[in-house]
C-alpha atoms as a PDB file:
ATOM      1  CA  MET A   1      -0.009  -0.292   0.089  1.00  0.00           C
ATOM      2  CA  GLY A   2       2.729   2.748   1.187  1.00  0.00           C
ATOM      3  CA  ASN A   3       4.533   1.604  -2.320  1.00  0.00           C
ATOM      4  CA  ALA A   4       1.534   2.345  -4.488  1.00  0.00           C
ATOM      5  CA  LEU A   5       0.845   5.509  -2.446  1.00  0.00           C
ATOM      6  CA  ALA A   6       4.618   6.595  -3.135  1.00  0.00           C
ATOM      7  CA  ALA A   7       4.087   5.978  -6.626  1.00  0.00           C
ATOM      8  CA  PHE A   8       1.651   8.160  -7.173  1.00  0.00           C
ATOM      9  CA  GLY A   9       4.038  10.709  -5.846  1.00  0.00           C
ATOM     10  CA  LEU A  10       2.834  11.117  -2.198  1.00  0.00           C
ATOM     11  CA  ARG A  11       5.028  11.744   0.481  1.00  0.00           C
ATOM     12  CA  VAL A  12       5.240   8.392   2.390  1.00  0.00           C
ATOM     13  CA  THR A  13       6.539   7.243   5.834  1.00  0.00           C
ATOM     14  CA  TYR A  14       6.999   3.775   6.069  1.00  0.00           C
ATOM     15  CA  LEU A  15       7.484   1.501   9.483  1.00  0.00           C
ATOM     16  CA  GLY A  16       7.573  -2.156   9.293  1.00  0.00           C
ATOM     17  CA  ILE A  17       9.727  -4.910   8.876  1.00  0.00           C
ATOM     18  CA  LEU A  18      11.761  -4.907   5.628  1.00  0.00           C
ATOM     19  CA  GLY A  19      14.953  -6.032   6.771  1.00  0.00           C
ATOM     20  CA  TRP A  20      17.333  -5.930   9.996  1.00  0.00           C
ATOM     21  CA  PRO A  21      19.813  -3.968  10.197  1.00  0.00           C
ATOM     22  CA  ASP A  22      19.748  -3.561   6.509  1.00  0.00           C
ATOM     23  CA  ILE A  23      16.990  -3.318   4.431  1.00  0.00           C
ATOM     24  CA  HIS A  24      16.979  -6.259   1.813  1.00  0.00           C
ATOM     25  CA  PRO A  25      17.390  -5.196  -1.559  1.00  0.00           C
ATOM     26  CA  VAL A  26      13.914  -6.160  -2.861  1.00  0.00           C
ATOM     27  CA  PHE A  27      12.526  -3.165  -1.346  1.00  0.00           C
ATOM     28  CA  HIS A  28      15.139  -0.700  -2.689  1.00  0.00           C
ATOM     29  CA  GLU A  29      13.189   0.645  -5.202  1.00  0.00           C
ATOM     30  CA  PHE A  30      10.384   1.332  -2.483  1.00  0.00           C
ATOM     31  CA  LYS A  31      12.843   3.117  -0.330  1.00  0.00           C
ATOM     32  CA  ALA A  32      14.040   5.232  -2.985  1.00  0.00           C
ATOM     33  CA  ARG A  33      10.445   6.474  -3.034  1.00  0.00           C
ATOM     34  CA  ALA A  34       9.502   6.866   0.529  1.00  0.00           C
ATOM     35  CA  ASP A  35      10.959   7.402   4.180  1.00  0.00           C
ATOM     36  CA  VAL A  36      11.497   4.106   5.243  1.00  0.00           C
ATOM     37  CA  HIS A  37      12.176   2.840   8.681  1.00  0.00           C
ATOM     38  CA  SER A  38      12.535  -1.254   9.171  1.00  0.00           C
ATOM     39  CA  ILE A  39      12.981  -2.962  12.312  1.00  0.00           C
ATOM     40  CA  ALA A  40      12.811  -6.660  11.481  1.00  0.00           C
ATOM     41  CA  GLN A  41      13.641  -8.711   9.181  1.00  0.00           C
ATOM     42  CA  PRO A  42      10.813  -9.650   6.326  1.00  0.00           C
ATOM     43  CA  GLY A  43       8.315 -12.000   6.323  1.00  0.00           C
ATOM     44  CA  LEU A  44       8.086 -14.433   3.078  1.00  0.00           C
ATOM     45  CA  THR A  45       5.147 -15.494   1.421  1.00  0.00           C
ATOM     46  CA  ASP A  46       5.463 -18.299  -1.620  1.00  0.00           C
ATOM     47  CA  ALA A  47       2.316 -17.365  -3.821  1.00  0.00           C
ATOM     48  CA  TYR A  48       1.021 -20.251  -6.109  1.00  0.00           C
ATOM     49  CA  GLU A  49      -1.735 -18.574  -8.226  1.00  0.00           C
ATOM     50  CA  PHE A  50      -4.561 -20.579  -9.915  1.00  0.00           C
ATOM     51  CA  HIS A  51      -7.579 -19.349 -12.533  1.00  0.00           C
ATOM     52  CA  ASP A  52      -9.993 -19.979  -9.529  1.00  0.00           C
ATOM     53  CA  GLY A  53      -7.756 -18.693  -6.552  1.00  0.00           C
ATOM     54  CA  LYS A  54      -4.588 -18.985  -4.925  1.00  0.00           C
ATOM     55  CA  ILE A  55      -2.420 -20.529  -2.484  1.00  0.00           C
ATOM     56  CA  LEU A  56      -0.236 -18.474  -0.132  1.00  0.00           C
ATOM     57  CA  VAL A  57       2.692 -20.281   1.932  1.00  0.00           C
ATOM     58  CA  GLY A  58       4.234 -17.752   4.562  1.00  0.00           C
ATOM     59  CA  LYS A  59       7.255 -17.835   6.845  1.00  0.00           C
ATOM     60  CA  HIS A  60       6.107 -15.140   9.237  1.00  0.00           C
ATOM     61  CA  GLU A  61       7.880 -15.781  12.456  1.00  0.00           C
ATOM     62  CA  SER A  62       9.762 -12.446  12.046  1.00  0.00           C
ATOM     63  CA  LEU A  63       6.815 -10.437  12.300  1.00  0.00           C
ATOM     64  CA  LYS A  64       6.514 -11.608  16.179  1.00  0.00           C
ATOM     65  CA  GLU A  65       9.097  -8.599  16.433  1.00  0.00           C
ATOM     66  CA  MET A  66       7.037  -5.751  15.172  1.00  0.00           C
ATOM     67  CA  THR A  67       6.120  -4.509  18.984  1.00  0.00           C
ATOM     68  CA  TRP A  68       5.880  -1.243  20.794  1.00  0.00           C
ATOM     69  CA  GLU A  69       8.990  -1.954  22.429  1.00  0.00           C
ATOM     70  CA  ASN A  70      11.047  -2.339  19.431  1.00  0.00           C
ATOM     71  CA  ILE A  71       9.236   0.484  17.610  1.00  0.00           C
ATOM     72  CA  GLN A  72      10.708   2.856  20.297  1.00  0.00           C
ATOM     73  CA  ALA A  73      14.414   0.560  20.750  1.00  0.00           C
ATOM     74  CA  ARG A  74      14.707   0.474  17.345  1.00  0.00           C
ATOM     75  CA  TRP A  75      13.400   3.266  15.692  1.00  0.00           C
ATOM     76  CA  SER A  76      12.142   6.174  17.851  1.00  0.00           C
ATOM     77  CA  ARG A  77       9.112   7.412  19.738  1.00  0.00           C
ATOM     78  CA  ASP A  78       9.873  10.910  19.000  1.00  0.00           C
ATOM     79  CA  ALA A  79      10.178  10.279  15.669  1.00  0.00           C
ATOM     80  CA  PHE A  80       7.140   7.900  15.691  1.00  0.00           C
ATOM     81  CA  GLN A  81       5.033  10.483  17.424  1.00  0.00           C
ATOM     82  CA  GLN A  82       6.126  13.449  15.218  1.00  0.00           C
ATOM     83  CA  HIS A  83       4.492  11.396  12.087  1.00  0.00           C
ATOM     84  CA  PHE A  84       1.547  10.045  13.855  1.00  0.00           C
ATOM     85  CA  SER A  85       0.655  13.195  15.187  1.00  0.00           C
ATOM     86  CA  THR A  86       0.973  15.124  11.665  1.00  0.00           C
ATOM     87  CA  ALA A  87       0.486  12.993   8.937  1.00  0.00           C
ATOM     88  CA  SER A  88      -2.754  13.427   6.791  1.00  0.00           C
ATOM     89  CA  LEU A  89      -3.247   9.696   6.518  1.00  0.00           C
ATOM     90  CA  VAL A  90      -2.323   7.037   9.072  1.00  0.00           C
ATOM     91  CA  GLY A  91      -2.087   3.577   7.926  1.00  0.00           C
ATOM     92  CA  PHE A  92      -2.092   0.343   9.548  1.00  0.00           C
ATOM     93  CA  VAL A  93      -2.020  -2.943   7.391  1.00  0.00           C
ATOM     94  CA  ASN A  94      -1.887  -6.848   8.095  1.00  0.00           C
ATOM     95  CA  TRP A  95      -3.008  -7.010  11.611  1.00  0.00           C
ATOM     96  CA  THR A  96      -3.876 -10.820  11.368  1.00  0.00           C
ATOM     97  CA  MET A  97      -0.211 -11.443  10.757  1.00  0.00           C
ATOM     98  CA  LEU A  98       1.258  -8.769  13.204  1.00  0.00           C
ATOM     99  CA  PRO A  99       0.398 -10.537  16.516  1.00  0.00           C
ATOM    100  CA  HIS A 100       1.305  -7.688  18.688  1.00  0.00           C
ATOM    101  CA  MET A 101      -0.521  -5.436  16.950  1.00  0.00           C
ATOM    102  CA  SER A 102      -3.481  -4.673  19.364  1.00  0.00           C
ATOM    103  CA  GLN A 103      -1.144  -4.028  21.761  1.00  0.00           C
ATOM    104  CA  ILE A 104       0.549  -1.625  19.854  1.00  0.00           C
ATOM    105  CA  TRP A 105      -3.003   0.110  19.378  1.00  0.00           C
ATOM    106  CA  GLU A 106      -3.552  -0.002  22.638  1.00  0.00           C
ATOM    107  CA  ALA A 107      -0.508   1.732  23.475  1.00  0.00           C
ATOM    108  CA  LEU A 108      -1.081   4.217  21.220  1.00  0.00           C
ATOM    109  CA  GLN A 109      -4.325   5.091  22.650  1.00  0.00           C
ATOM    110  CA  GLN A 110      -3.204   4.998  25.842  1.00  0.00           C
ATOM    111  CA  GLU A 111      -0.034   6.853  25.422  1.00  0.00           C
ATOM    112  CA  LEU A 112       0.183   9.301  22.227  1.00  0.00           C
ATOM    113  CA  CYS A 113      -3.708   9.611  21.350  1.00  0.00           C
ATOM    114  CA  PRO A 114      -4.485  11.596  24.212  1.00  0.00           C
ATOM    115  CA  GLY A 115      -2.086  14.223  23.204  1.00  0.00           C
ATOM    116  CA  LEU A 116      -3.358  14.641  19.741  1.00  0.00           C
ATOM    117  CA  ASN A 117      -4.776  18.248  19.118  1.00  0.00           C
ATOM    118  CA  GLY A 118      -5.884  20.304  15.843  1.00  0.00           C
ATOM    119  CA  GLU A 119      -8.053  19.069  13.122  1.00  0.00           C
ATOM    120  CA  ARG A 120      -9.125  15.357  12.578  1.00  0.00           C
ATOM    121  CA  ARG A 121      -7.267  13.318  10.189  1.00  0.00           C
ATOM    122  CA  LYS A 122      -8.015   9.934   8.617  1.00  0.00           C
ATOM    123  CA  LEU A 123      -6.739   6.460   9.943  1.00  0.00           C
ATOM    124  CA  PHE A 124      -7.591   3.680   7.597  1.00  0.00           C
ATOM    125  CA  VAL A 125      -7.028  -0.066   8.647  1.00  0.00           C
ATOM    126  CA  ASP A 126      -6.645  -3.114   7.012  1.00  0.00           C
ATOM    127  CA  MET A 127      -6.900  -6.305   8.511  1.00  0.00           C
ATOM    128  CA  ALA A 128      -6.054  -8.851   6.479  1.00  0.00           C
ATOM    129  CA  ASP A 129      -7.750 -12.196   6.170  1.00  0.00           C
ATOM    130  CA  PRO A 130      -8.762 -12.998   9.887  1.00  0.00           C
ATOM    131  CA  GLU A 131      -9.376 -16.630   9.501  1.00  0.00           C
ATOM    132  CA  LYS A 132      -6.856 -17.890  11.372  1.00  0.00           C
ATOM    133  CA  ARG A 133      -7.497 -15.458  14.484  1.00  0.00           C
ATOM    134  CA  THR A 134      -9.657 -16.198  16.949  1.00  0.00           C
ATOM    135  CA  ASN A 135     -13.377 -14.492  17.290  1.00  0.00           C
ATOM    136  CA  HIS A 136     -12.175 -12.817  20.478  1.00  0.00           C
ATOM    137  CA  ASP A 137      -9.076 -11.378  18.917  1.00  0.00           C
ATOM    138  CA  ILE A 138     -11.268 -10.264  16.091  1.00  0.00           C
ATOM    139  CA  ARG A 139     -13.590  -8.848  18.114  1.00  0.00           C
ATOM    140  CA  HIS A 140     -11.099  -6.927  20.465  1.00  0.00           C
ATOM    141  CA  ALA A 141      -9.283  -5.719  17.493  1.00  0.00           C
ATOM    142  CA  LEU A 142     -12.657  -4.089  15.977  1.00  0.00           C
ATOM    143  CA  GLU A 143     -13.464  -2.653  19.408  1.00  0.00           C
ATOM    144  CA  LEU A 144      -9.692  -0.687  19.232  1.00  0.00           C
ATOM    145  CA  ILE A 145     -10.565   0.270  15.548  1.00  0.00           C
ATOM    146  CA  VAL A 146     -13.359   1.966  16.542  1.00  0.00           C
ATOM    147  CA  ASN A 147     -12.039   3.464  19.795  1.00  0.00           C
ATOM    148  CA  PHE A 148      -9.613   6.010  17.442  1.00  0.00           C
ATOM    149  CA  GLY A 149     -12.552   7.470  16.157  1.00  0.00           C
ATOM    150  CA  GLN A 150     -12.314   9.651  19.064  1.00  0.00           C
ATOM    151  CA  TRP A 151      -9.127  10.975  17.710  1.00  0.00           C
ATOM    152  CA  PHE A 152      -9.469  10.196  13.850  1.00  0.00           C
ATOM    153  CA  ASP A 153     -12.077   9.335  10.755  1.00  0.00           C
ATOM    154  CA  VAL A 154     -11.281   5.783  10.799  1.00  0.00           C
ATOM    155  CA  ILE A 155     -11.807   4.276   7.771  1.00  0.00           C
ATOM    156  CA  LEU A 156     -12.274   0.285   7.687  1.00  0.00           C
ATOM    157  CA  GLY A 157     -10.958  -1.637   4.459  1.00  0.00           C
ATOM    158  CA  LEU A 158     -12.250  -5.517   3.734  1.00  0.00           C
ATOM    159  CA  ASN A 159     -12.276  -7.572   0.950  1.00  0.00           C
ATOM    160  CA  GLU A 160     -15.553  -9.805   0.478  1.00  0.00           C
ATOM    161  CA  LYS A 161     -13.798 -12.943   2.424  1.00  0.00           C
ATOM    162  CA  GLU A 162     -12.890 -10.704   4.988  1.00  0.00           C
ATOM    163  CA  ALA A 163     -16.018  -8.830   5.371  1.00  0.00           C
ATOM    164  CA  PHE A 164     -18.070 -12.798   5.855  1.00  0.00           C
ATOM    165  CA  GLU A 165     -15.153 -13.615   8.540  1.00  0.00           C
ATOM    166  CA  VAL A 166     -15.495 -10.099  10.760  1.00  0.00           C
ATOM    167  CA  GLY A 167     -19.505 -10.916  10.230  1.00  0.00           C
ATOM    168  CA  LYS A 168     -18.680 -14.552  11.544  1.00  0.00           C
ATOM    169  CA  ALA A 169     -16.790 -13.069  14.435  1.00  0.00           C
ATOM    170  CA  LEU A 170     -19.814 -10.668  15.256  1.00  0.00           C
ATOM    171  CA  ASP A 171     -22.575 -13.425  15.084  1.00  0.00           C
ATOM    172  CA  LEU A 172     -23.931 -11.803  12.086  1.00  0.00           C
ATOM    173  CA  ASP A 173     -26.517 -13.956   9.931  1.00  0.00           C
ATOM    174  CA  LEU A 174     -24.379 -14.785   6.838  1.00  0.00           C
ATOM    175  CA  PRO A 175     -26.045 -13.852   3.458  1.00  0.00           C
ATOM    176  CA  GLU A 176     -25.477 -15.059  -0.065  1.00  0.00           C
ATOM    177  CA  HIS A 177     -22.300 -13.614  -1.827  1.00  0.00           C
ATOM    178  CA  THR A 178     -24.468 -11.423  -4.281  1.00  0.00           C
ATOM    179  CA  PRO A 179     -24.194  -7.815  -4.599  1.00  0.00           C
ATOM    180  CA  ASP A 180     -27.477  -7.585  -2.491  1.00  0.00           C
ATOM    181  CA  GLY A 181     -25.643 -10.030   0.022  1.00  0.00           C
ATOM    182  CA  LEU A 182     -22.962  -8.078   0.567  1.00  0.00           C
ATOM    183  CA  GLN A 183     -24.854  -5.000   0.616  1.00  0.00           C
ATOM    184  CA  SER A 184     -27.125  -6.541   3.482  1.00  0.00           C
ATOM    185  CA  LEU A 185     -24.079  -7.997   5.606  1.00  0.00           C
ATOM    186  CA  THR A 186     -21.796  -4.739   4.732  1.00  0.00           C
ATOM    187  CA  ARG A 187     -24.868  -2.222   6.874  1.00  0.00           C
ATOM    188  CA  ALA A 188     -25.053  -5.281   9.434  1.00  0.00           C
ATOM    189  CA  ILE A 189     -21.005  -5.034  10.212  1.00  0.00           C
ATOM    190  CA  TYR A 190     -21.043  -1.254  10.259  1.00  0.00           C
ATOM    191  CA  ALA A 191     -24.307  -0.962  12.838  1.00  0.00           C
ATOM    192  CA  LYS A 192     -21.659  -3.153  15.195  1.00  0.00           C
ATOM    193  CA  VAL A 193     -18.472  -1.298  14.093  1.00  0.00           C
ATOM    194  CA  PRO A 194     -19.451   2.479  13.529  1.00  0.00           C
ATOM    195  CA  VAL A 195     -16.084   3.726  11.558  1.00  0.00           C
ATOM    196  CA  GLN A 196     -16.478   6.714   9.947  1.00  0.00           C
ATOM    197  CA  THR A 197     -16.626   4.652   6.578  1.00  0.00           C
ATOM    198  CA  LEU A 198     -16.431   0.588   5.901  1.00  0.00           C
ATOM    199  CA  VAL A 199     -16.009  -0.184   2.135  1.00  0.00           C
ATOM    200  CA  VAL A 200     -15.796  -3.904   1.309  1.00  0.00           C
ATOM    201  CA  HIS A 201     -14.360  -4.480  -1.907  1.00  0.00           C
ATOM    202  CA  PRO A 202     -15.249  -7.880  -4.001  1.00  0.00           C
ATOM    203  CA  VAL A 203     -13.379  -8.394  -7.347  1.00  0.00           C
ATOM    204  CA  SER A 204     -16.034  -6.758  -9.648  1.00  0.00           C
ATOM    205  CA  TYR A 205     -17.581  -4.196  -7.836  1.00  0.00           C
ATOM    206  CA  ALA A 206     -16.841  -2.271  -4.068  1.00  0.00           C
ATOM    207  CA  LEU A 207     -18.802  -0.515  -2.029  1.00  0.00           C
ATOM    208  CA  ALA A 208     -18.824   1.956   0.866  1.00  0.00           C
ATOM    209  CA  ILE A 209     -21.100   3.322   3.684  1.00  0.00           C
ATOM    210  CA  SER A 210     -20.805   6.295   5.740  1.00  0.00           C
ATOM    211  CA  GLY A 211     -23.733   7.963   8.039  1.00  0.00           C
ATOM    212  CA  ASP A 212     -26.736   6.667   6.438  1.00  0.00           C
ATOM    213  CA  GLU A 213     -25.389   6.679   2.888  1.00  0.00           C
ATOM    214  CA  LEU A 214     -24.180   3.334   1.156  1.00  0.00           C
ATOM    215  CA  VAL A 215     -23.111   3.661  -2.283  1.00  0.00           C
ATOM    216  CA  MET A 216     -21.744   0.705  -4.661  1.00  0.00           C
ATOM    217  CA  THR A 217     -19.899   0.895  -8.001  1.00  0.00           C
ATOM    218  CA  PRO A 218     -18.558  -1.292 -10.529  1.00  0.00           C
ATOM    219  CA  GLY A 219     -14.475  -1.606 -11.027  1.00  0.00           C
ATOM    220  CA  PRO A 220     -12.181  -2.672 -13.650  1.00  0.00           C
ATOM    221  CA  VAL A 221     -11.806  -6.200 -13.990  1.00  0.00           C
ATOM    222  CA  THR A 222     -10.234  -9.234 -16.036  1.00  0.00           C
ATOM    223  CA  ALA A 223     -10.641 -12.583 -16.630  1.00  0.00           C
ATOM    224  CA  THR A 224      -7.102 -13.154 -16.966  1.00  0.00           C
ATOM    225  CA  PRO A 225      -5.149 -11.054 -14.696  1.00  0.00           C
ATOM    226  CA  LEU A 226      -1.210 -11.152 -14.842  1.00  0.00           C
ATOM    227  CA  ILE A 227      -1.519 -11.182 -10.720  1.00  0.00           C
ATOM    228  CA  THR A 228      -3.900 -11.170  -8.426  1.00  0.00           C
ATOM    229  CA  THR A 229      -1.599 -10.973  -5.242  1.00  0.00           C
ATOM    230  CA  GLY A 230      -1.551  -7.243  -3.692  1.00  0.00           C
ATOM    231  CA  ALA A 231      -4.644  -6.344  -5.881  1.00  0.00           C
ATOM    232  CA  GLY A 232      -6.383  -5.484  -2.525  1.00  0.00           C
ATOM    233  CA  ASP A 233      -3.384  -3.367  -1.512  1.00  0.00           C
ATOM    234  CA  HIS A 234      -3.487  -1.304  -4.462  1.00  0.00           C
ATOM    235  CA  PHE A 235      -6.830  -0.828  -4.227  1.00  0.00           C
ATOM    236  CA  ASN A 236      -6.441   0.490  -0.355  1.00  0.00           C
ATOM    237  CA  SER A 237      -3.963   2.879  -1.838  1.00  0.00           C
ATOM    238  CA  GLY A 238      -6.400   4.283  -4.999  1.00  0.00           C
ATOM    239  CA  PHE A 239      -9.873   4.482  -1.980  1.00  0.00           C
ATOM    240  CA  CYS A 240      -7.406   6.345   0.075  1.00  0.00           C
ATOM    241  CA  LEU A 241      -5.722   8.707  -2.807  1.00  0.00           C
ATOM    242  CA  GLY A 242      -9.627   9.294  -3.660  1.00  0.00           C
END
C-alpha cells in the first residue's frame, strides 16, 4: 500500500519489517521512493496463483518482532510520535499477521492519542484475512479500531472474504455471496463497527458506507489477470488517494 501511494508521488513515511539491520534488496526501489524505516527481517510468502484462486505459504516468525517496545528501541518513539501526530493519513495494515498489533494500538491510545490536537485526520485500517485469528481477537481488534474514532476519521477496509469472516466473528447472519447480500452484510457490520467509513471490495465491484449512505460502484476487472497477489493493497491505495 505504501509503495503504491509513493508511486503516485505522495510523501510516504513507512515503518515496518523490511530487513534488519539492513533493508532487503527487493525493497530498495520502495526505499528510493519513500522515507522507509525497518525494525525486523521481512516475512516471506510463496504465492501460488491459479485461475480459480491462490495458495499463500507464509514464513512469519519475524513478524513477532513488530512490537511497541521494538518500535521505540529500533527506531524512535519521538520520530514515531511526530509522524503519527502530523500525517494527513495514518495507515495500519496486516493486523492478522502481526500478533502484537492490538497491543501496539492499545499503547498508542493510552500514550499518544490523548495528546493529539488540531484537525481530525484520516486513519485507514486493513486487517487482512482474519480467518486464522480467534473470534475474541477479531472482536477486540474491532473495538480498538472503533476507539481510534475519538481522534481520527477511521476507514476500515475489507475484501469480500474478510467481510464474511468479520460477520462470522460478530455472530451476524451471513447472506449469499451476491451484491444484494453483500450490501446487507456491509450494513450489518457497520451497525456493529461504527467507524466513519467502511469499504468492502469484492473483485468486480466495491461498496462503501458512511453515515446513512451506502454507495456501490463497478470496478475494472479482467478474466485473465497477470497477478492477483497484492491487488487489495493497490485498491486500498487508490481508495485512500481518492
